[in-house]
N, C-alpha and C. Protein backbone atom coordinates (compact mmCIF):
# COMPACT_ATOMS: atom_id res chain seq x y z
N UNK A 1 -6.46 112.70 98.20
CA UNK A 1 -7.56 113.03 97.42
C UNK A 1 -7.05 114.31 96.25
N UNK A 2 -7.44 113.96 95.13
CA UNK A 2 -7.12 114.97 94.05
C UNK A 2 -8.18 116.08 94.20
N UNK A 3 -7.50 117.47 93.70
CA UNK A 3 -8.42 118.54 93.50
C UNK A 3 -9.89 118.18 92.89
N UNK A 4 -9.85 117.38 91.63
CA UNK A 4 -10.91 117.17 91.19
C UNK A 4 -11.74 115.86 91.76
N UNK A 5 -11.67 115.26 92.74
CA UNK A 5 -12.23 114.22 93.51
C UNK A 5 -13.40 114.34 93.35
N UNK A 6 -13.89 115.35 93.75
CA UNK A 6 -15.43 115.64 94.10
C UNK A 6 -16.14 115.69 92.87
N UNK A 7 -15.61 116.48 91.65
CA UNK A 7 -16.20 116.30 90.32
C UNK A 7 -16.16 114.83 89.83
N UNK A 8 -15.09 114.16 90.04
CA UNK A 8 -15.09 112.93 89.26
C UNK A 8 -16.20 111.89 90.10
N UNK A 9 -16.03 112.02 91.51
CA UNK A 9 -17.03 111.28 92.30
C UNK A 9 -18.41 111.29 91.94
N UNK A 10 -18.76 112.57 91.52
CA UNK A 10 -20.31 112.87 91.71
C UNK A 10 -20.79 112.89 89.99
N UNK A 11 -19.75 113.03 89.12
CA UNK A 11 -20.00 113.49 87.65
C UNK A 11 -20.35 111.86 87.17
N UNK A 12 -19.83 110.82 87.61
CA UNK A 12 -20.19 109.53 87.45
C UNK A 12 -18.62 108.81 86.68
N UNK A 13 -17.66 109.84 86.55
CA UNK A 13 -16.50 109.25 85.85
C UNK A 13 -16.00 108.11 86.69
N UNK A 14 -16.06 106.77 86.21
CA UNK A 14 -15.39 105.64 86.99
C UNK A 14 -16.47 105.23 88.19
N UNK A 15 -17.65 105.58 87.86
CA UNK A 15 -18.92 105.26 88.71
C UNK A 15 -19.44 104.02 88.23
N UNK A 16 -20.59 103.68 89.38
CA UNK A 16 -21.09 102.57 88.91
C UNK A 16 -21.88 102.45 87.56
N UNK A 17 -22.74 101.28 86.76
CA UNK A 17 -23.02 100.98 85.64
C UNK A 17 -24.25 101.94 85.57
N UNK A 18 -25.13 102.22 86.54
CA UNK A 18 -26.09 102.82 86.47
C UNK A 18 -25.76 104.42 86.45
N UNK A 19 -24.72 105.09 86.61
CA UNK A 19 -24.39 106.42 86.24
C UNK A 19 -24.35 106.86 87.82
N UNK A 20 -24.57 106.47 88.74
CA UNK A 20 -24.21 106.99 89.99
C UNK A 20 -23.06 106.32 90.58
N UNK A 21 -22.23 107.34 91.13
CA UNK A 21 -21.01 106.76 91.70
C UNK A 21 -20.71 106.34 92.87
N UNK A 22 -21.53 105.56 93.20
CA UNK A 22 -21.75 105.17 94.70
C UNK A 22 -20.49 104.45 95.20
N UNK A 23 -20.11 103.77 94.02
CA UNK A 23 -18.64 103.02 94.73
C UNK A 23 -17.50 104.00 95.01
N UNK A 24 -17.38 105.31 94.41
CA UNK A 24 -16.67 106.45 94.55
C UNK A 24 -16.85 107.08 95.90
N UNK A 25 -18.26 107.34 96.05
CA UNK A 25 -18.37 107.81 97.45
C UNK A 25 -18.06 107.05 98.35
N UNK A 26 -18.50 105.70 98.15
CA UNK A 26 -18.32 104.94 99.49
C UNK A 26 -16.68 104.83 99.50
N UNK A 27 -16.07 104.77 98.89
CA UNK A 27 -14.63 104.82 98.76
C UNK A 27 -13.95 106.00 99.43
N UNK A 28 -14.61 107.21 99.06
CA UNK A 28 -14.09 108.42 99.44
C UNK A 28 -14.33 108.63 101.05
N UNK A 29 -15.53 108.09 101.63
CA UNK A 29 -16.02 108.08 103.19
C UNK A 29 -15.00 107.11 103.47
N UNK A 30 -14.81 105.78 102.94
CA UNK A 30 -13.51 105.26 103.69
C UNK A 30 -12.30 105.80 104.01
N UNK A 31 -12.09 106.57 102.62
CA UNK A 31 -10.69 106.98 103.04
C UNK A 31 -10.75 108.23 104.24
N UNK A 32 -11.84 109.00 104.09
CA UNK A 32 -11.84 110.07 105.00
C UNK A 32 -11.92 109.50 106.56
N UNK A 33 -12.78 108.29 106.80
CA UNK A 33 -12.72 107.62 108.01
C UNK A 33 -11.19 107.37 108.49
N UNK A 34 -10.57 106.77 107.24
CA UNK A 34 -9.23 106.00 107.65
C UNK A 34 -8.34 107.09 107.77
N UNK A 35 -8.20 108.09 107.44
CA UNK A 35 -7.37 109.22 107.36
C UNK A 35 -7.62 109.75 108.71
N UNK A 36 -9.01 110.12 109.25
CA UNK A 36 -9.00 110.84 110.60
C UNK A 36 -8.76 109.67 111.76
N UNK A 37 -8.95 108.39 111.49
CA UNK A 37 -8.71 107.55 112.53
C UNK A 37 -7.04 107.33 112.57
N UNK A 38 -6.27 107.54 111.56
CA UNK A 38 -4.93 107.54 111.59
C UNK A 38 -4.40 108.86 112.38
N UNK A 39 -5.04 109.65 112.47
CA UNK A 39 -4.86 110.95 113.06
C UNK A 39 -4.02 111.72 112.19
N UNK A 40 -4.61 111.93 111.14
CA UNK A 40 -4.32 113.01 109.93
C UNK A 40 -3.25 114.18 110.51
N UNK A 41 -2.22 114.72 110.15
CA UNK A 41 -1.98 115.66 110.81
C UNK A 41 -1.37 115.83 112.27
N UNK A 42 -1.34 114.46 112.93
CA UNK A 42 -1.53 114.73 114.29
C UNK A 42 0.21 114.20 114.79
N UNK A 43 0.54 113.49 113.57
CA UNK A 43 2.15 112.82 114.05
C UNK A 43 2.07 111.54 114.64
N UNK A 44 0.81 110.78 114.54
CA UNK A 44 0.73 109.93 115.35
C UNK A 44 -0.75 109.25 115.17
N UNK A 45 -1.08 107.90 115.43
CA UNK A 45 -2.42 107.58 115.60
C UNK A 45 -3.20 107.97 116.60
N UNK A 46 -4.44 107.91 116.46
CA UNK A 46 -5.41 108.41 117.41
C UNK A 46 -5.58 106.93 118.20
N UNK A 47 -5.86 107.14 119.57
CA UNK A 47 -5.91 106.32 120.44
C UNK A 47 -7.13 105.50 120.37
N UNK A 48 -7.06 104.15 120.47
CA UNK A 48 -8.43 103.33 120.18
C UNK A 48 -8.52 102.57 121.66
N UNK A 49 -10.23 102.32 121.68
CA UNK A 49 -10.51 101.80 122.89
C UNK A 49 -10.49 100.23 122.59
N UNK A 50 -9.98 99.68 123.51
CA UNK A 50 -10.36 98.18 123.37
C UNK A 50 -11.31 97.58 124.44
N UNK A 51 -11.51 96.25 124.01
CA UNK A 51 -13.00 95.78 124.72
C UNK A 51 -12.84 95.93 126.29
N UNK A 52 -11.81 95.71 126.94
CA UNK A 52 -11.58 95.89 128.21
C UNK A 52 -12.19 97.32 128.80
N UNK A 53 -11.84 98.34 127.70
CA UNK A 53 -12.31 99.88 128.03
C UNK A 53 -13.96 99.79 128.10
N UNK A 54 -14.41 99.08 127.19
CA UNK A 54 -16.08 99.31 127.08
C UNK A 54 -16.56 98.53 128.67
N UNK A 55 -16.14 97.34 128.91
CA UNK A 55 -16.46 96.74 130.36
C UNK A 55 -16.17 97.90 131.31
N UNK A 56 -15.10 98.37 131.32
CA UNK A 56 -14.64 99.22 132.68
C UNK A 56 -15.52 100.32 132.33
N UNK A 57 -15.73 101.01 131.28
CA UNK A 57 -16.66 102.12 130.93
C UNK A 57 -18.33 101.82 131.66
N UNK A 58 -18.62 100.63 131.09
CA UNK A 58 -19.85 100.32 131.41
C UNK A 58 -19.85 100.22 133.27
N UNK A 59 -19.22 99.43 133.88
CA UNK A 59 -19.01 99.32 135.36
C UNK A 59 -18.91 100.78 136.19
N UNK A 60 -18.03 101.54 135.45
CA UNK A 60 -17.87 102.87 135.91
C UNK A 60 -19.09 103.62 135.91
N UNK A 61 -19.86 103.81 134.85
CA UNK A 61 -21.17 104.55 134.85
C UNK A 61 -22.27 103.84 135.70
N UNK A 62 -22.48 102.35 135.69
CA UNK A 62 -23.22 102.04 136.32
C UNK A 62 -23.20 101.91 138.08
N UNK A 63 -21.89 102.49 138.08
CA UNK A 63 -21.92 102.65 139.67
C UNK A 63 -22.39 103.82 140.23
N UNK A 64 -22.49 104.88 139.20
CA UNK A 64 -23.26 106.14 139.72
C UNK A 64 -24.67 105.88 139.69
N UNK A 65 -25.48 104.90 138.62
CA UNK A 65 -26.78 104.91 138.86
C UNK A 65 -27.15 104.18 138.02
N UNK A 66 -28.31 103.23 137.83
CA UNK A 66 -29.04 102.22 136.85
C UNK A 66 -29.09 103.41 135.74
N UNK A 67 -28.97 102.37 134.58
CA UNK A 67 -29.28 102.94 133.28
C UNK A 67 -29.38 102.06 132.10
N UNK A 68 -30.08 102.29 131.13
CA UNK A 68 -30.09 101.63 130.00
C UNK A 68 -28.95 101.69 128.90
N UNK A 69 -28.87 100.75 128.03
CA UNK A 69 -27.77 100.63 127.17
C UNK A 69 -27.50 102.14 126.16
N UNK A 70 -28.55 102.67 125.82
CA UNK A 70 -28.54 103.62 125.26
C UNK A 70 -27.84 104.94 125.84
N UNK A 71 -28.17 104.94 127.33
CA UNK A 71 -27.69 106.04 128.09
C UNK A 71 -26.30 105.70 128.09
N UNK A 72 -25.60 104.74 128.60
CA UNK A 72 -24.49 104.39 128.62
C UNK A 72 -23.52 104.76 127.36
N UNK A 73 -24.04 104.55 126.18
CA UNK A 73 -23.42 105.10 124.89
C UNK A 73 -23.29 106.37 124.76
N UNK A 74 -24.45 107.23 125.14
CA UNK A 74 -24.32 108.59 125.23
C UNK A 74 -23.37 109.35 126.25
N UNK A 75 -23.40 108.45 127.45
CA UNK A 75 -22.31 109.06 128.32
C UNK A 75 -20.83 108.68 128.23
N UNK A 76 -20.73 107.50 127.57
CA UNK A 76 -19.26 107.33 127.33
C UNK A 76 -19.03 108.70 126.21
N UNK A 77 -19.71 108.80 125.07
CA UNK A 77 -19.32 109.71 124.32
C UNK A 77 -19.04 111.44 124.72
N UNK A 78 -20.24 111.45 125.68
CA UNK A 78 -20.07 112.83 126.35
C UNK A 78 -18.74 112.85 127.08
N UNK A 79 -18.54 111.96 127.92
CA UNK A 79 -17.37 111.75 128.93
C UNK A 79 -16.09 112.29 127.91
N UNK A 80 -15.90 111.29 127.04
CA UNK A 80 -14.70 111.36 126.15
C UNK A 80 -14.58 112.58 125.38
N UNK A 81 -15.54 113.47 125.56
CA UNK A 81 -15.49 114.79 124.57
C UNK A 81 -15.76 114.35 123.00
N UNK A 82 -16.51 113.28 122.85
CA UNK A 82 -17.00 113.01 121.38
C UNK A 82 -15.98 111.96 120.95
N UNK A 83 -14.81 111.83 121.24
CA UNK A 83 -13.90 110.91 120.78
C UNK A 83 -14.16 109.48 120.80
N UNK A 84 -15.05 109.06 121.46
CA UNK A 84 -15.25 107.70 121.87
C UNK A 84 -16.76 107.33 121.96
N UNK A 85 -17.52 106.82 120.76
CA UNK A 85 -18.96 106.45 121.15
C UNK A 85 -18.52 104.91 120.43
N UNK A 86 -18.92 104.08 121.70
CA UNK A 86 -18.89 102.60 121.39
C UNK A 86 -20.25 102.27 120.77
N UNK A 87 -20.20 101.33 119.68
CA UNK A 87 -21.40 100.99 119.25
C UNK A 87 -22.35 100.05 119.90
N UNK A 88 -23.46 100.01 119.70
CA UNK A 88 -24.28 99.08 120.37
C UNK A 88 -23.80 97.77 120.22
N UNK A 89 -22.99 97.25 119.09
CA UNK A 89 -22.52 96.17 119.08
C UNK A 89 -21.40 95.60 120.06
N UNK A 90 -21.08 96.66 120.62
CA UNK A 90 -20.12 96.34 121.70
C UNK A 90 -20.49 96.79 122.94
N UNK A 91 -21.37 97.45 123.31
CA UNK A 91 -22.06 97.76 124.67
C UNK A 91 -22.92 96.80 125.01
N UNK A 92 -23.80 96.15 124.12
CA UNK A 92 -24.69 95.24 124.56
C UNK A 92 -24.54 94.00 124.69
N UNK A 93 -23.61 93.44 124.07
CA UNK A 93 -22.66 92.17 124.57
C UNK A 93 -21.99 92.23 126.03
N UNK A 94 -21.43 93.38 126.09
CA UNK A 94 -20.80 93.61 127.32
C UNK A 94 -21.79 93.61 128.29
N UNK A 95 -22.99 94.18 128.35
CA UNK A 95 -23.82 94.16 129.33
C UNK A 95 -24.42 92.69 129.74
N UNK A 96 -24.46 91.98 128.36
CA UNK A 96 -25.06 90.53 128.64
C UNK A 96 -23.90 89.75 129.51
N UNK A 97 -22.58 89.90 128.97
CA UNK A 97 -21.59 89.32 129.71
C UNK A 97 -21.43 89.44 130.96
N UNK A 98 -21.56 90.70 131.51
CA UNK A 98 -21.81 91.48 132.89
C UNK A 98 -22.94 90.57 133.72
N UNK A 99 -23.92 90.56 133.27
CA UNK A 99 -25.20 89.80 133.53
C UNK A 99 -24.94 88.35 133.58
N UNK A 100 -24.20 87.88 132.72
CA UNK A 100 -23.99 86.23 132.84
C UNK A 100 -23.07 86.09 133.99
N UNK A 101 -22.10 87.19 134.39
CA UNK A 101 -21.33 87.08 135.28
C UNK A 101 -21.78 87.29 136.78
N UNK A 102 -22.91 87.79 136.71
CA UNK A 102 -23.60 88.12 137.98
C UNK A 102 -23.38 89.68 138.53
N UNK A 103 -22.83 90.25 137.70
CA UNK A 103 -22.25 91.61 138.08
C UNK A 103 -23.37 92.85 138.13
N UNK A 104 -24.33 92.39 137.17
CA UNK A 104 -25.27 93.28 136.81
C UNK A 104 -26.70 92.70 136.84
N UNK A 105 -27.80 93.36 136.86
CA UNK A 105 -29.09 92.87 136.53
C UNK A 105 -29.81 93.90 135.90
N UNK A 106 -30.74 92.83 135.16
CA UNK A 106 -31.64 93.77 134.31
C UNK A 106 -33.12 94.07 134.73
N UNK A 107 -33.66 95.04 134.66
CA UNK A 107 -35.22 95.18 135.10
C UNK A 107 -36.07 95.74 133.83
N UNK A 108 -36.90 95.10 133.47
CA UNK A 108 -37.68 95.80 132.17
C UNK A 108 -38.80 96.77 132.51
N UNK A 109 -38.96 97.83 131.98
CA UNK A 109 -40.10 98.56 132.19
C UNK A 109 -40.57 99.56 130.94
N UNK A 110 -41.62 99.44 130.57
CA UNK A 110 -41.85 100.36 129.24
C UNK A 110 -41.12 99.64 127.94
N UNK A 111 -40.86 98.51 127.96
CA UNK A 111 -40.02 97.96 126.97
C UNK A 111 -38.63 98.05 126.70
N UNK A 112 -38.04 98.69 128.02
CA UNK A 112 -36.61 99.01 127.86
C UNK A 112 -36.03 98.43 129.13
N UNK A 113 -34.83 97.86 129.01
CA UNK A 113 -33.98 97.45 129.78
C UNK A 113 -33.25 98.28 130.56
N UNK A 114 -33.28 98.46 131.77
CA UNK A 114 -32.45 99.14 132.75
C UNK A 114 -31.48 98.18 133.61
N UNK A 115 -30.06 98.39 133.46
CA UNK A 115 -29.16 97.66 134.03
C UNK A 115 -28.51 98.42 135.37
N UNK A 116 -28.56 97.65 136.30
CA UNK A 116 -28.12 97.97 137.76
C UNK A 116 -27.13 96.76 137.97
N UNK A 117 -26.01 97.42 139.32
CA UNK A 117 -25.01 96.64 139.56
C UNK A 117 -25.66 95.65 140.82
N UNK A 118 -25.04 94.51 140.77
CA UNK A 118 -25.42 93.74 141.95
C UNK A 118 -24.57 93.95 143.02
N UNK A 119 -24.14 93.30 144.31
CA UNK A 119 -23.36 93.52 145.17
C UNK A 119 -21.94 93.32 144.80
N UNK A 120 -21.87 92.10 144.04
CA UNK A 120 -20.68 91.67 143.35
C UNK A 120 -20.32 92.69 142.34
N UNK A 121 -20.94 93.28 141.71
CA UNK A 121 -20.77 94.12 140.76
C UNK A 121 -20.48 95.57 141.29
N UNK A 122 -21.04 95.86 142.50
CA UNK A 122 -20.25 97.26 143.00
C UNK A 122 -18.90 96.99 143.36
N UNK A 123 -18.63 95.85 144.04
CA UNK A 123 -17.16 95.86 144.24
C UNK A 123 -16.20 95.75 143.05
N UNK A 124 -16.64 95.15 141.85
CA UNK A 124 -15.74 95.25 140.65
C UNK A 124 -15.87 96.51 140.11
N UNK A 125 -16.91 97.33 140.16
CA UNK A 125 -16.92 98.78 139.72
C UNK A 125 -16.16 99.54 140.46
N UNK A 126 -16.10 99.44 141.84
CA UNK A 126 -15.29 100.16 142.65
C UNK A 126 -13.94 100.12 142.36
N UNK A 127 -13.50 98.72 142.10
CA UNK A 127 -12.14 98.45 141.67
C UNK A 127 -11.71 99.12 140.30
N UNK A 128 -12.84 98.92 139.34
CA UNK A 128 -12.47 99.66 138.15
C UNK A 128 -12.52 101.03 138.16
N UNK A 129 -13.28 101.67 138.88
CA UNK A 129 -13.14 103.04 139.30
C UNK A 129 -12.04 103.88 139.68
N UNK A 130 -11.29 102.94 140.78
CA UNK A 130 -9.78 103.52 141.07
C UNK A 130 -8.91 103.07 140.19
N UNK A 131 -8.77 102.53 139.09
CA UNK A 131 -7.94 102.43 138.09
C UNK A 131 -8.13 103.70 137.18
N UNK A 132 -9.17 104.08 137.26
CA UNK A 132 -9.75 105.33 136.24
C UNK A 132 -10.44 104.70 135.19
N UNK A 133 -11.44 105.93 134.81
CA UNK A 133 -12.39 105.58 133.58
C UNK A 133 -11.52 105.58 132.57
N UNK A 134 -11.94 104.85 131.44
CA UNK A 134 -11.12 104.69 129.85
C UNK A 134 -11.18 106.11 129.47
N UNK A 135 -12.05 106.99 129.61
CA UNK A 135 -11.97 108.48 128.85
C UNK A 135 -11.11 109.13 129.66
N UNK A 136 -10.81 109.03 131.03
CA UNK A 136 -9.46 109.65 131.81
C UNK A 136 -8.30 109.53 131.57
N UNK A 137 -7.92 108.26 130.70
CA UNK A 137 -6.76 107.85 130.55
C UNK A 137 -5.75 108.89 130.08
N UNK A 138 -4.46 108.54 130.02
CA UNK A 138 -3.46 109.82 129.70
C UNK A 138 -3.48 110.03 128.41
N UNK A 139 -4.16 109.56 127.49
CA UNK A 139 -4.28 109.84 125.88
C UNK A 139 -5.65 110.64 125.93
N UNK A 140 -6.45 110.69 126.78
CA UNK A 140 -7.56 111.43 126.64
C UNK A 140 -7.69 112.94 125.96
N UNK A 141 -6.31 113.57 126.65
CA UNK A 141 -6.47 115.01 126.26
C UNK A 141 -6.01 114.95 124.50
N UNK A 142 -5.15 114.06 124.51
CA UNK A 142 -4.91 113.87 122.77
C UNK A 142 -6.29 113.92 122.22
N UNK A 143 -7.01 112.48 122.60
CA UNK A 143 -8.32 112.42 121.93
C UNK A 143 -9.49 113.61 121.69
N UNK A 144 -9.19 114.29 123.08
CA UNK A 144 -10.33 115.62 122.98
C UNK A 144 -9.85 116.82 122.16
N UNK A 145 -8.77 116.72 121.61
CA UNK A 145 -8.34 117.84 120.67
C UNK A 145 -9.15 118.05 119.49
N UNK A 146 -9.46 119.25 119.13
CA UNK A 146 -10.35 119.30 117.79
C UNK A 146 -9.52 118.67 116.79
N UNK A 147 -8.54 118.51 116.48
CA UNK A 147 -8.01 117.72 115.46
C UNK A 147 -8.37 116.06 115.43
N UNK A 148 -8.59 115.92 116.72
CA UNK A 148 -9.06 114.24 116.85
C UNK A 148 -10.42 114.08 117.25
N UNK A 149 -11.52 115.09 117.18
CA UNK A 149 -12.63 114.65 117.39
C UNK A 149 -13.72 115.55 116.43
N UNK A 150 -13.40 117.01 116.92
CA UNK A 150 -14.74 117.87 116.07
C UNK A 150 -14.56 117.81 114.51
N UNK A 151 -13.02 117.95 114.16
CA UNK A 151 -12.73 117.89 112.64
C UNK A 151 -12.89 116.69 111.88
N UNK A 152 -12.58 115.60 112.41
CA UNK A 152 -13.06 114.24 111.78
C UNK A 152 -14.58 114.01 111.53
N UNK A 153 -15.35 114.34 112.69
CA UNK A 153 -16.70 114.19 112.88
C UNK A 153 -17.16 114.99 111.70
N UNK A 154 -16.90 116.46 111.48
CA UNK A 154 -17.43 117.33 110.66
C UNK A 154 -17.02 116.75 109.13
N UNK A 155 -15.90 116.33 108.81
CA UNK A 155 -15.52 115.83 107.63
C UNK A 155 -16.61 114.41 107.50
N UNK A 156 -16.72 113.51 108.37
CA UNK A 156 -17.45 112.47 108.06
C UNK A 156 -19.01 112.81 107.97
N UNK A 157 -19.36 113.70 108.63
CA UNK A 157 -20.74 114.32 108.72
C UNK A 157 -20.81 114.90 107.24
N UNK A 158 -19.82 115.54 106.57
CA UNK A 158 -20.00 115.91 105.19
C UNK A 158 -20.13 115.00 103.90
N UNK A 159 -18.98 114.09 104.43
CA UNK A 159 -19.19 113.14 103.35
C UNK A 159 -20.36 112.21 103.45
N UNK A 160 -21.43 111.99 104.68
CA UNK A 160 -22.39 111.50 104.48
C UNK A 160 -23.59 112.13 103.71
N UNK A 161 -23.49 113.46 104.09
CA UNK A 161 -24.44 114.16 103.38
C UNK A 161 -24.28 114.06 101.87
N UNK A 162 -23.11 114.50 101.49
CA UNK A 162 -22.69 114.52 99.93
C UNK A 162 -23.52 113.03 99.41
N UNK A 163 -23.12 112.12 100.20
CA UNK A 163 -23.27 110.42 99.70
C UNK A 163 -25.05 110.51 99.67
N UNK A 164 -25.52 111.04 100.29
CA UNK A 164 -26.95 111.34 100.50
C UNK A 164 -27.58 112.10 99.16
N UNK A 165 -26.92 113.16 98.82
CA UNK A 165 -27.33 114.05 97.75
C UNK A 165 -27.15 113.25 96.58
N UNK A 166 -25.79 112.41 96.49
CA UNK A 166 -25.77 111.53 95.14
C UNK A 166 -26.73 110.46 95.04
N UNK A 167 -27.10 109.76 96.22
CA UNK A 167 -28.13 108.85 95.85
C UNK A 167 -29.74 109.29 95.75
N UNK A 168 -29.87 110.48 96.30
CA UNK A 168 -31.49 110.79 95.93
C UNK A 168 -31.57 112.37 95.48
N UNK A 169 -30.39 112.94 95.00
CA UNK A 169 -30.77 114.31 94.35
C UNK A 169 -30.75 114.20 93.00
N UNK A 170 -31.27 115.19 92.45
CA UNK A 170 -31.83 115.55 90.96
C UNK A 170 -29.95 115.62 90.35
N UNK A 171 -30.25 115.70 88.97
CA UNK A 171 -28.87 116.39 88.49
C UNK A 171 -28.39 117.53 89.08
N UNK A 172 -29.11 118.42 88.80
CA UNK A 172 -29.08 119.98 89.28
C UNK A 172 -28.76 119.88 90.90
N UNK A 173 -29.14 119.22 91.60
CA UNK A 173 -28.91 119.20 93.06
C UNK A 173 -27.53 118.66 93.11
N UNK A 174 -26.92 117.50 92.33
CA UNK A 174 -25.84 117.27 92.70
C UNK A 174 -24.76 118.02 91.92
N UNK A 175 -25.31 118.89 91.06
CA UNK A 175 -24.00 119.76 90.44
C UNK A 175 -24.03 120.89 91.40
N UNK A 176 -25.27 121.00 91.89
CA UNK A 176 -24.73 122.48 93.08
C UNK A 176 -23.90 121.80 94.15
N UNK A 177 -24.36 120.48 94.73
CA UNK A 177 -23.10 120.04 95.87
C UNK A 177 -22.02 119.87 95.48
N UNK A 178 -21.54 119.48 94.11
CA UNK A 178 -20.29 119.59 93.80
C UNK A 178 -19.57 120.88 94.09
N UNK A 179 -20.32 121.99 93.47
CA UNK A 179 -19.58 123.39 93.65
C UNK A 179 -19.64 123.73 95.23
N UNK A 180 -20.55 123.20 95.95
CA UNK A 180 -20.27 123.79 97.52
C UNK A 180 -19.08 122.96 98.18
N UNK A 181 -18.88 121.57 97.67
CA UNK A 181 -17.91 120.85 98.08
C UNK A 181 -16.64 121.58 97.51
N UNK A 182 -16.44 121.51 96.34
CA UNK A 182 -15.33 122.39 95.91
C UNK A 182 -14.89 123.75 96.53
N UNK A 183 -15.89 124.75 96.76
CA UNK A 183 -15.87 125.86 97.51
C UNK A 183 -15.35 125.48 98.78
N UNK A 184 -15.90 124.45 99.62
CA UNK A 184 -15.36 123.99 100.97
C UNK A 184 -13.88 123.74 100.99
N UNK A 185 -13.21 122.83 99.86
CA UNK A 185 -12.33 122.41 100.08
C UNK A 185 -11.19 123.71 99.65
N UNK A 186 -11.49 124.42 98.88
CA UNK A 186 -10.92 125.90 98.71
C UNK A 186 -10.69 126.70 99.83
N UNK A 187 -11.79 126.85 100.54
CA UNK A 187 -11.90 127.54 101.74
C UNK A 187 -10.93 126.95 102.89
N UNK A 188 -10.91 125.72 102.83
CA UNK A 188 -10.10 124.83 103.92
C UNK A 188 -8.60 125.13 103.64
N UNK A 189 -8.09 124.99 102.22
CA UNK A 189 -6.84 125.29 102.00
C UNK A 189 -6.74 126.79 102.51
N UNK A 190 -7.43 127.80 102.21
CA UNK A 190 -7.17 129.09 102.20
C UNK A 190 -6.94 129.39 103.90
N UNK A 191 -7.60 128.45 105.09
CA UNK A 191 -7.49 128.62 106.10
C UNK A 191 -5.91 128.47 106.65
N UNK A 192 -5.16 127.15 106.11
CA UNK A 192 -4.11 126.80 106.08
C UNK A 192 -3.29 127.76 105.62
N UNK A 193 -3.55 128.63 104.55
CA UNK A 193 -2.57 129.72 103.78
C UNK A 193 -2.53 130.71 104.55
N UNK A 194 -3.41 131.15 105.60
CA UNK A 194 -3.50 132.41 106.65
C UNK A 194 -2.42 132.12 107.59
N UNK A 195 -1.73 130.91 108.06
CA UNK A 195 -0.83 130.94 109.10
C UNK A 195 0.41 130.99 108.33
């Protein structure tokens, strides 16, 4: 990204026909996401979790106690130090598949399904737990480093806030946001200059 990126993106240069540069902002957010997923500055790529890991994680957590899907997502994120937060689009189909296999069962209370292991599910979950939870794998310390978790999350959160200002802010608010972002960029480079 060039030094004038924020100015270009928010000023409308090369933006959409309506004057708002949403395509530039969306492109910038995708560049940020892609850069952090590739492990910018880490000398390698960030480990990615596969579908089997979601299954193992769900079974491992349900071995502890019954819970609903949102709790499972939160606990995976917590246990992985924030480096892995599976989407509902991967957790809920996994829960359905495990139910279809007879390994878990769902009970509904207050409009929310709570999942628990069946006898067969307990045996499968214990076997999965012996292999270790996905967030305990050898690459987890790499995933848990600030370079791979806190910094990317902060960068993406910042990009999302900037996009929100671009979508809903007045011209004055957009100008102020550009100044804040340019200042943040300069301050980040000054951090590197200190070493």
